[in-house]
Amino acid sequence: MGWSMKFPFCFRAYGVQSVWLKVAAIICLTFPAAAEVSVLALGDSLTQGYGLPPDQGFVPQLEEWLTAQGAEVSLTNGGVSGDTTAGGLSRVAWSLTPGTDVMLVALGGNDLLRGIDPDVARANLDGILATADAEGVAVLLIGMSAPGNYGADYKVRFDRMYPDLAEKWGVPLVTDFLGALRDAGATDDSLRDYVQPDGIHPSAVGVELIVNAVGPEVLALVEATGNVNPD
């Protein structure tokens, strides 16, 4: 009786009894690779990476960070410079291509710049989250913090819409996309280290701070799919 074993764990039998043939038929195993998690980042110029080299924007830095944590991910940059919550709502359905597992929603900055009624922005974001929910796509909602120049009532209504919607749809929330810059102790004098000359868009260093803050929340959604390879 002779048999040989070839890796990985595949047995080939020669002239053995039927019992060994049956063993040989069922014991050859294959181990498919874990499916890659597809993440869509739906946003505006902050997501798109305005003013930065292609590999230094929010999406590529976030993908690199997630990969370093052992995540099997592929990120799609769905950032459109100048986009509002209305623009995001108009394109979310076709942006959620088949196979999308996770969506980051980071919109509202241009609504602020244009002074759009927070109730309008809220309705648009609600529509985006409803679309994701219908498609079975996990969402991380990333908010913005309104300045005080539109008045206290505007600020309260704008800032409140993100936690309200996160609670309504049961999705995790990052309160403020740019919050990591303030948390780092950026003052008016030192802010130039974190933003571009326009004073609005983060520099590559600023994006790194943002990714370090947002990354763990994204990773948690990716981990929920089971596609993380721990060291």
C-alpha atoms as a PDB file:
ATOM      1  CA  MET A   1       0.000   0.000   0.000  1.00  0.00           C
ATOM      2  CA  GLY A   2       1.448   3.324  -0.949  1.00  0.00           C
ATOM      3  CA  TRP A   3       0.214   6.888  -0.705  1.00  0.00           C
ATOM      4  CA  SER A   4       1.790  10.286  -0.885  1.00  0.00           C
ATOM      5  CA  MET A   5       0.839  13.608   0.715  1.00  0.00           C
ATOM      6  CA  LYS A   6       1.078  16.931  -1.065  1.00  0.00           C
ATOM      7  CA  PHE A   7       0.574  20.270   0.636  1.00  0.00           C
ATOM      8  CA  PRO A   8      -1.726  21.850   1.541  1.00  0.00           C
ATOM      9  CA  PHE A   9      -3.207  18.730   3.068  1.00  0.00           C
ATOM     10  CA  CYS A  10      -4.011  17.013  -0.237  1.00  0.00           C
ATOM     11  CA  PHE A  11      -3.708  13.229  -0.259  1.00  0.00           C
ATOM     12  CA  ARG A  12      -3.233  11.143  -3.409  1.00  0.00           C
ATOM     13  CA  ALA A  13      -3.821   7.393  -3.126  1.00  0.00           C
ATOM     14  CA  TYR A  14      -2.362   4.621  -5.279  1.00  0.00           C
ATOM     15  CA  GLY A  15      -3.875   1.133  -5.202  1.00  0.00           C
ATOM     16  CA  VAL A  16      -5.451   1.495  -1.786  1.00  0.00           C
ATOM     17  CA  GLN A  17      -8.718   0.082  -0.565  1.00  0.00           C
ATOM     18  CA  SER A  18     -11.957   1.984  -1.148  1.00  0.00           C
ATOM     19  CA  VAL A  19     -11.888   3.465   2.330  1.00  0.00           C
ATOM     20  CA  TRP A  20      -8.672   5.293   1.504  1.00  0.00           C
ATOM     21  CA  LEU A  21     -10.101   6.455  -1.795  1.00  0.00           C
ATOM     22  CA  LYS A  22     -13.017   7.981   0.072  1.00  0.00           C
ATOM     23  CA  VAL A  23     -10.650   9.681   2.476  1.00  0.00           C
ATOM     24  CA  ALA A  24      -8.629  11.023  -0.426  1.00  0.00           C
ATOM     25  CA  ALA A  25     -11.782  12.370  -2.045  1.00  0.00           C
ATOM     26  CA  ILE A  26     -12.876  14.435   0.938  1.00  0.00           C
ATOM     27  CA  ILE A  27      -9.650  15.492   2.617  1.00  0.00           C
ATOM     28  CA  CYS A  28      -8.256  17.796  -0.081  1.00  0.00           C
ATOM     29  CA  LEU A  29      -8.923  21.191   1.450  1.00  0.00           C
ATOM     30  CA  THR A  30      -8.753  24.686   0.086  1.00  0.00           C
ATOM     31  CA  PHE A  31      -8.745  27.888   2.082  1.00  0.00           C
ATOM     32  CA  PRO A  32     -10.298  30.844   0.210  1.00  0.00           C
ATOM     33  CA  ALA A  33      -8.965  34.289   1.050  1.00  0.00           C
ATOM     34  CA  ALA A  34     -11.144  36.518   3.212  1.00  0.00           C
ATOM     35  CA  ALA A  35     -13.407  38.728   1.140  1.00  0.00           C
ATOM     36  CA  GLU A  36     -12.227  42.314   0.820  1.00  0.00           C
ATOM     37  CA  VAL A  37     -14.459  44.895   2.472  1.00  0.00           C
ATOM     38  CA  SER A  38     -15.633  47.589   0.062  1.00  0.00           C
ATOM     39  CA  VAL A  39     -15.902  51.041   1.655  1.00  0.00           C
ATOM     40  CA  LEU A  40     -17.432  54.092  -0.046  1.00  0.00           C
ATOM     41  CA  ALA A  41     -16.487  57.525   1.286  1.00  0.00           C
ATOM     42  CA  LEU A  42     -19.327  59.876   0.313  1.00  0.00           C
ATOM     43  CA  GLY A  43     -18.395  63.480   0.914  1.00  0.00           C
ATOM     44  CA  ASP A  44     -17.175  66.824  -0.353  1.00  0.00           C
ATOM     45  CA  SER A  45     -13.721  68.344  -0.892  1.00  0.00           C
ATOM     46  CA  LEU A  46     -12.602  67.284   2.593  1.00  0.00           C
ATOM     47  CA  THR A  47     -13.154  63.683   1.538  1.00  0.00           C
ATOM     48  CA  GLN A  48     -11.952  64.215  -2.022  1.00  0.00           C
ATOM     49  CA  GLY A  49      -8.548  65.491  -0.871  1.00  0.00           C
ATOM     50  CA  TYR A  50      -8.674  68.985  -2.325  1.00  0.00           C
ATOM     51  CA  GLY A  51      -5.255  70.600  -2.794  1.00  0.00           C
ATOM     52  CA  LEU A  52      -3.270  67.502  -1.810  1.00  0.00           C
ATOM     53  CA  PRO A  53      -1.173  64.971  -3.775  1.00  0.00           C
ATOM     54  CA  PRO A  54      -3.217  61.893  -4.773  1.00  0.00           C
ATOM     55  CA  ASP A  55      -1.716  59.733  -2.027  1.00  0.00           C
ATOM     56  CA  GLN A  56      -2.090  62.282   0.784  1.00  0.00           C
ATOM     57  CA  GLY A  57      -5.839  62.859   0.849  1.00  0.00           C
ATOM     58  CA  PHE A  58      -8.285  61.524   3.411  1.00  0.00           C
ATOM     59  CA  VAL A  59      -9.265  58.373   1.503  1.00  0.00           C
ATOM     60  CA  PRO A  60      -5.766  57.083   0.633  1.00  0.00           C
ATOM     61  CA  GLN A  61      -4.437  57.861   4.108  1.00  0.00           C
ATOM     62  CA  LEU A  62      -7.415  56.109   5.692  1.00  0.00           C
ATOM     63  CA  GLU A  63      -6.983  53.056   3.469  1.00  0.00           C
ATOM     64  CA  GLU A  64      -3.303  52.879   4.395  1.00  0.00           C
ATOM     65  CA  TRP A  65      -4.168  53.176   8.095  1.00  0.00           C
ATOM     66  CA  LEU A  66      -6.783  50.417   7.901  1.00  0.00           C
ATOM     67  CA  THR A  67      -4.435  48.114   6.002  1.00  0.00           C
ATOM     68  CA  ALA A  68      -1.793  48.647   8.687  1.00  0.00           C
ATOM     69  CA  GLN A  69      -4.343  47.398  11.241  1.00  0.00           C
ATOM     70  CA  GLY A  70      -4.760  44.157   9.278  1.00  0.00           C
ATOM     71  CA  ALA A  71      -7.986  45.084   7.500  1.00  0.00           C
ATOM     72  CA  GLU A  72      -8.708  43.699   4.026  1.00  0.00           C
ATOM     73  CA  VAL A  73     -10.285  46.814   2.523  1.00  0.00           C
ATOM     74  CA  SER A  74     -10.790  48.694  -0.692  1.00  0.00           C
ATOM     75  CA  LEU A  75     -11.862  52.339  -0.410  1.00  0.00           C
ATOM     76  CA  THR A  76     -13.667  54.284  -3.115  1.00  0.00           C
ATOM     77  CA  ASN A  77     -13.275  58.058  -3.085  1.00  0.00           C
ATOM     78  CA  GLY A  78     -16.782  59.430  -3.431  1.00  0.00           C
ATOM     79  CA  GLY A  79     -15.780  62.965  -2.500  1.00  0.00           C
ATOM     80  CA  VAL A  80     -16.942  65.757  -4.820  1.00  0.00           C
ATOM     81  CA  SER A  81     -15.534  69.227  -4.300  1.00  0.00           C
ATOM     82  CA  GLY A  82     -18.279  71.730  -3.499  1.00  0.00           C
ATOM     83  CA  ASP A  83     -20.904  69.068  -2.860  1.00  0.00           C
ATOM     84  CA  THR A  84     -23.737  69.655  -0.410  1.00  0.00           C
ATOM     85  CA  THR A  85     -26.033  67.238   1.372  1.00  0.00           C
ATOM     86  CA  ALA A  86     -28.451  67.684  -1.549  1.00  0.00           C
ATOM     87  CA  GLY A  87     -25.743  66.635  -3.989  1.00  0.00           C
ATOM     88  CA  GLY A  88     -24.932  63.616  -1.868  1.00  0.00           C
ATOM     89  CA  LEU A  89     -28.579  62.587  -1.795  1.00  0.00           C
ATOM     90  CA  SER A  90     -28.856  62.924  -5.575  1.00  0.00           C
ATOM     91  CA  ARG A  91     -25.982  60.509  -6.200  1.00  0.00           C
ATOM     92  CA  VAL A  92     -26.022  58.095  -3.275  1.00  0.00           C
ATOM     93  CA  ALA A  93     -28.207  55.491  -5.013  1.00  0.00           C
ATOM     94  CA  TRP A  94     -25.863  55.010  -7.964  1.00  0.00           C
ATOM     95  CA  SER A  95     -22.753  55.495  -5.833  1.00  0.00           C
ATOM     96  CA  LEU A  96     -23.670  52.450  -3.750  1.00  0.00           C
ATOM     97  CA  THR A  97     -22.513  49.935  -6.315  1.00  0.00           C
ATOM     98  CA  PRO A  98     -23.188  46.212  -5.752  1.00  0.00           C
ATOM     99  CA  GLY A  99     -20.833  44.805  -3.157  1.00  0.00           C
ATOM    100  CA  THR A 100     -20.459  47.990  -1.111  1.00  0.00           C
ATOM    101  CA  ASP A 101     -20.219  46.947   2.539  1.00  0.00           C
ATOM    102  CA  VAL A 102     -19.599  50.212   4.396  1.00  0.00           C
ATOM    103  CA  MET A 103     -20.299  53.864   3.611  1.00  0.00           C
ATOM    104  CA  LEU A 104     -18.813  56.917   5.280  1.00  0.00           C
ATOM    105  CA  VAL A 105     -21.087  59.953   5.061  1.00  0.00           C
ATOM    106  CA  ALA A 106     -19.177  63.213   5.540  1.00  0.00           C
ATOM    107  CA  LEU A 107     -21.342  66.034   4.224  1.00  0.00           C
ATOM    108  CA  GLY A 108     -22.566  69.371   5.508  1.00  0.00           C
ATOM    109  CA  GLY A 109     -19.543  71.660   5.245  1.00  0.00           C
ATOM    110  CA  ASN A 110     -20.753  73.335   2.067  1.00  0.00           C
ATOM    111  CA  ASP A 111     -24.260  73.606   3.474  1.00  0.00           C
ATOM    112  CA  LEU A 112     -22.645  75.672   6.229  1.00  0.00           C
ATOM    113  CA  LEU A 113     -20.726  77.857   3.798  1.00  0.00           C
ATOM    114  CA  ARG A 114     -23.953  78.590   1.905  1.00  0.00           C
ATOM    115  CA  GLY A 115     -26.073  79.081   5.007  1.00  0.00           C
ATOM    116  CA  ILE A 116     -28.508  76.346   3.961  1.00  0.00           C
ATOM    117  CA  ASP A 117     -31.337  75.776   6.427  1.00  0.00           C
ATOM    118  CA  PRO A 118     -30.342  72.948   8.797  1.00  0.00           C
ATOM    119  CA  ASP A 119     -33.796  71.418   8.373  1.00  0.00           C
ATOM    120  CA  VAL A 120     -33.089  71.020   4.650  1.00  0.00           C
ATOM    121  CA  ALA A 121     -29.666  69.516   5.313  1.00  0.00           C
ATOM    122  CA  ARG A 122     -31.194  67.177   7.905  1.00  0.00           C
ATOM    123  CA  ALA A 123     -33.783  65.917   5.404  1.00  0.00           C
ATOM    124  CA  ASN A 124     -31.067  65.282   2.815  1.00  0.00           C
ATOM    125  CA  LEU A 125     -28.891  63.347   5.240  1.00  0.00           C
ATOM    126  CA  ASP A 126     -31.930  61.406   6.392  1.00  0.00           C
ATOM    127  CA  GLY A 127     -32.542  60.381   2.783  1.00  0.00           C
ATOM    128  CA  ILE A 128     -28.924  59.261   2.384  1.00  0.00           C
ATOM    129  CA  LEU A 129     -29.101  57.122   5.518  1.00  0.00           C
ATOM    130  CA  ALA A 130     -32.446  55.679   4.451  1.00  0.00           C
ATOM    131  CA  THR A 131     -30.926  54.613   1.127  1.00  0.00           C
ATOM    132  CA  ALA A 132     -27.998  52.930   2.856  1.00  0.00           C
ATOM    133  CA  ASP A 133     -30.337  51.173   5.270  1.00  0.00           C
ATOM    134  CA  ALA A 134     -32.462  49.851   2.408  1.00  0.00           C
ATOM    135  CA  GLU A 135     -29.330  48.489   0.725  1.00  0.00           C
ATOM    136  CA  GLY A 136     -28.058  46.860   3.921  1.00  0.00           C
ATOM    137  CA  VAL A 137     -24.904  48.993   3.950  1.00  0.00           C
ATOM    138  CA  ALA A 138     -23.259  49.843   7.283  1.00  0.00           C
ATOM    139  CA  VAL A 139     -22.726  53.581   7.795  1.00  0.00           C
ATOM    140  CA  LEU A 140     -20.421  55.845   9.751  1.00  0.00           C
ATOM    141  CA  LEU A 141     -21.857  59.354   9.950  1.00  0.00           C
ATOM    142  CA  ILE A 142     -19.249  62.122  10.186  1.00  0.00           C
ATOM    143  CA  GLY A 143     -20.543  65.505  11.235  1.00  0.00           C
ATOM    144  CA  MET A 144     -19.432  69.118  11.169  1.00  0.00           C
ATOM    145  CA  SER A 145     -19.605  71.833  13.789  1.00  0.00           C
ATOM    146  CA  ALA A 146     -21.285  75.095  12.809  1.00  0.00           C
ATOM    147  CA  PRO A 147     -19.575  78.406  13.587  1.00  0.00           C
ATOM    148  CA  GLY A 148     -21.465  81.009  15.566  1.00  0.00           C
ATOM    149  CA  ASN A 149     -21.726  83.628  12.823  1.00  0.00           C
ATOM    150  CA  TYR A 150     -25.159  82.371  11.671  1.00  0.00           C
ATOM    151  CA  GLY A 151     -26.570  82.818  15.146  1.00  0.00           C
ATOM    152  CA  ALA A 152     -27.117  80.559  18.120  1.00  0.00           C
ATOM    153  CA  ASP A 153     -30.333  79.010  16.799  1.00  0.00           C
ATOM    154  CA  TYR A 154     -28.718  77.989  13.508  1.00  0.00           C
ATOM    155  CA  LYS A 155     -25.749  76.449  15.295  1.00  0.00           C
ATOM    156  CA  VAL A 156     -27.919  74.452  17.690  1.00  0.00           C
ATOM    157  CA  ARG A 157     -30.108  73.091  14.892  1.00  0.00           C
ATOM    158  CA  PHE A 158     -27.167  72.270  12.630  1.00  0.00           C
ATOM    159  CA  ASP A 159     -25.012  70.615  15.284  1.00  0.00           C
ATOM    160  CA  ARG A 160     -27.982  68.653  16.629  1.00  0.00           C
ATOM    161  CA  MET A 161     -28.931  67.010  13.329  1.00  0.00           C
ATOM    162  CA  TYR A 162     -25.958  64.620  13.296  1.00  0.00           C
ATOM    163  CA  PRO A 163     -26.508  62.944  16.689  1.00  0.00           C
ATOM    164  CA  ASP A 164     -30.264  62.923  16.089  1.00  0.00           C
ATOM    165  CA  LEU A 165     -29.877  61.097  12.773  1.00  0.00           C
ATOM    166  CA  ALA A 166     -27.242  58.739  14.142  1.00  0.00           C
ATOM    167  CA  GLU A 167     -29.658  57.752  16.905  1.00  0.00           C
ATOM    168  CA  LYS A 168     -32.597  57.425  14.505  1.00  0.00           C
ATOM    169  CA  TRP A 169     -30.760  55.081  12.146  1.00  0.00           C
ATOM    170  CA  GLY A 170     -28.628  53.322  14.746  1.00  0.00           C
ATOM    171  CA  VAL A 171     -25.308  54.252  13.158  1.00  0.00           C
ATOM    172  CA  PRO A 172     -22.032  55.315  14.797  1.00  0.00           C
ATOM    173  CA  LEU A 173     -21.116  58.993  14.754  1.00  0.00           C
ATOM    174  CA  VAL A 174     -17.951  61.053  14.582  1.00  0.00           C
ATOM    175  CA  THR A 175     -19.187  64.417  15.820  1.00  0.00           C
ATOM    176  CA  ASP A 176     -16.890  66.686  13.811  1.00  0.00           C
ATOM    177  CA  PHE A 177     -14.711  65.852  10.802  1.00  0.00           C
ATOM    178  CA  LEU A 178     -12.255  68.588  11.789  1.00  0.00           C
ATOM    179  CA  GLY A 179     -12.507  67.969  15.519  1.00  0.00           C
ATOM    180  CA  ALA A 180      -9.161  66.178  15.623  1.00  0.00           C
ATOM    181  CA  LEU A 181      -7.409  69.431  14.729  1.00  0.00           C
ATOM    182  CA  ARG A 182      -8.952  71.212  17.698  1.00  0.00           C
ATOM    183  CA  ASP A 183      -8.334  68.220  19.937  1.00  0.00           C
ATOM    184  CA  ALA A 184      -4.659  68.421  18.986  1.00  0.00           C
ATOM    185  CA  GLY A 185      -4.577  71.884  20.517  1.00  0.00           C
ATOM    186  CA  ALA A 186      -4.423  73.780  17.282  1.00  0.00           C
ATOM    187  CA  THR A 187      -4.634  77.515  17.925  1.00  0.00           C
ATOM    188  CA  ASP A 188      -5.053  80.259  15.361  1.00  0.00           C
ATOM    189  CA  ASP A 189      -1.260  80.585  15.235  1.00  0.00           C
ATOM    190  CA  SER A 190      -0.499  76.878  14.977  1.00  0.00           C
ATOM    191  CA  LEU A 191      -3.448  76.008  12.736  1.00  0.00           C
ATOM    192  CA  ARG A 192      -1.303  76.715   9.687  1.00  0.00           C
ATOM    193  CA  ASP A 193       0.529  73.467  10.464  1.00  0.00           C
ATOM    194  CA  TYR A 194      -2.693  71.534   9.972  1.00  0.00           C
ATOM    195  CA  VAL A 195      -4.495  73.367   7.167  1.00  0.00           C
ATOM    196  CA  GLN A 196      -3.702  74.610   3.695  1.00  0.00           C
ATOM    197  CA  PRO A 197      -3.238  78.326   2.929  1.00  0.00           C
ATOM    198  CA  ASP A 198      -6.975  78.693   2.241  1.00  0.00           C
ATOM    199  CA  GLY A 199      -7.572  78.157   5.961  1.00  0.00           C
ATOM    200  CA  ILE A 200     -10.298  75.585   5.269  1.00  0.00           C
ATOM    201  CA  HIS A 201      -8.900  72.355   3.903  1.00  0.00           C
ATOM    202  CA  PRO A 202      -6.533  70.235   6.008  1.00  0.00           C
ATOM    203  CA  SER A 203      -2.923  69.732   5.015  1.00  0.00           C
ATOM    204  CA  ALA A 204      -1.460  66.234   4.722  1.00  0.00           C
ATOM    205  CA  VAL A 205      -0.427  66.489   8.384  1.00  0.00           C
ATOM    206  CA  GLY A 206      -3.927  67.595   9.316  1.00  0.00           C
ATOM    207  CA  VAL A 207      -5.430  64.684   7.387  1.00  0.00           C
ATOM    208  CA  GLU A 208      -3.187  62.313   9.316  1.00  0.00           C
ATOM    209  CA  LEU A 209      -4.637  63.627  12.586  1.00  0.00           C
ATOM    210  CA  ILE A 210      -8.161  63.209  11.229  1.00  0.00           C
ATOM    211  CA  VAL A 211      -7.479  59.653  10.063  1.00  0.00           C
ATOM    212  CA  ASN A 212      -6.041  58.720  13.463  1.00  0.00           C
ATOM    213  CA  ALA A 213      -9.286  59.923  15.045  1.00  0.00           C
ATOM    214  CA  VAL A 214     -11.752  58.516  12.504  1.00  0.00           C
ATOM    215  CA  GLY A 215      -9.869  55.314  11.690  1.00  0.00           C
ATOM    216  CA  PRO A 216     -10.875  53.294  14.774  1.00  0.00           C
ATOM    217  CA  GLU A 217     -14.561  53.947  14.069  1.00  0.00           C
ATOM    218  CA  VAL A 218     -14.177  52.755  10.474  1.00  0.00           C
ATOM    219  CA  LEU A 219     -12.162  49.751  11.606  1.00  0.00           C
ATOM    220  CA  ALA A 220     -14.954  48.735  13.974  1.00  0.00           C
ATOM    221  CA  LEU A 221     -17.378  48.550  11.039  1.00  0.00           C
ATOM    222  CA  VAL A 222     -14.872  46.571   8.983  1.00  0.00           C
ATOM    223  CA  GLU A 223     -14.272  44.195  11.891  1.00  0.00           C
ATOM    224  CA  ALA A 224     -18.010  43.558  12.051  1.00  0.00           C
ATOM    225  CA  THR A 225     -17.687  41.894   8.645  1.00  0.00           C
ATOM    226  CA  GLY A 226     -14.964  39.580   9.972  1.00  0.00           C
ATOM    227  CA  ASN A 227     -12.357  40.669   7.456  1.00  0.00           C
ATOM    228  CA  VAL A 228      -9.470  41.713   9.679  1.00  0.00           C
ATOM    229  CA  ASN A 229      -6.290  39.697  10.046  1.00  0.00           C
ATOM    230  CA  PRO A 230      -4.776  40.408  13.485  1.00  0.00           C
ATOM    231  CA  ASP A 231      -1.006  40.269  13.800  1.00  0.00           C
END
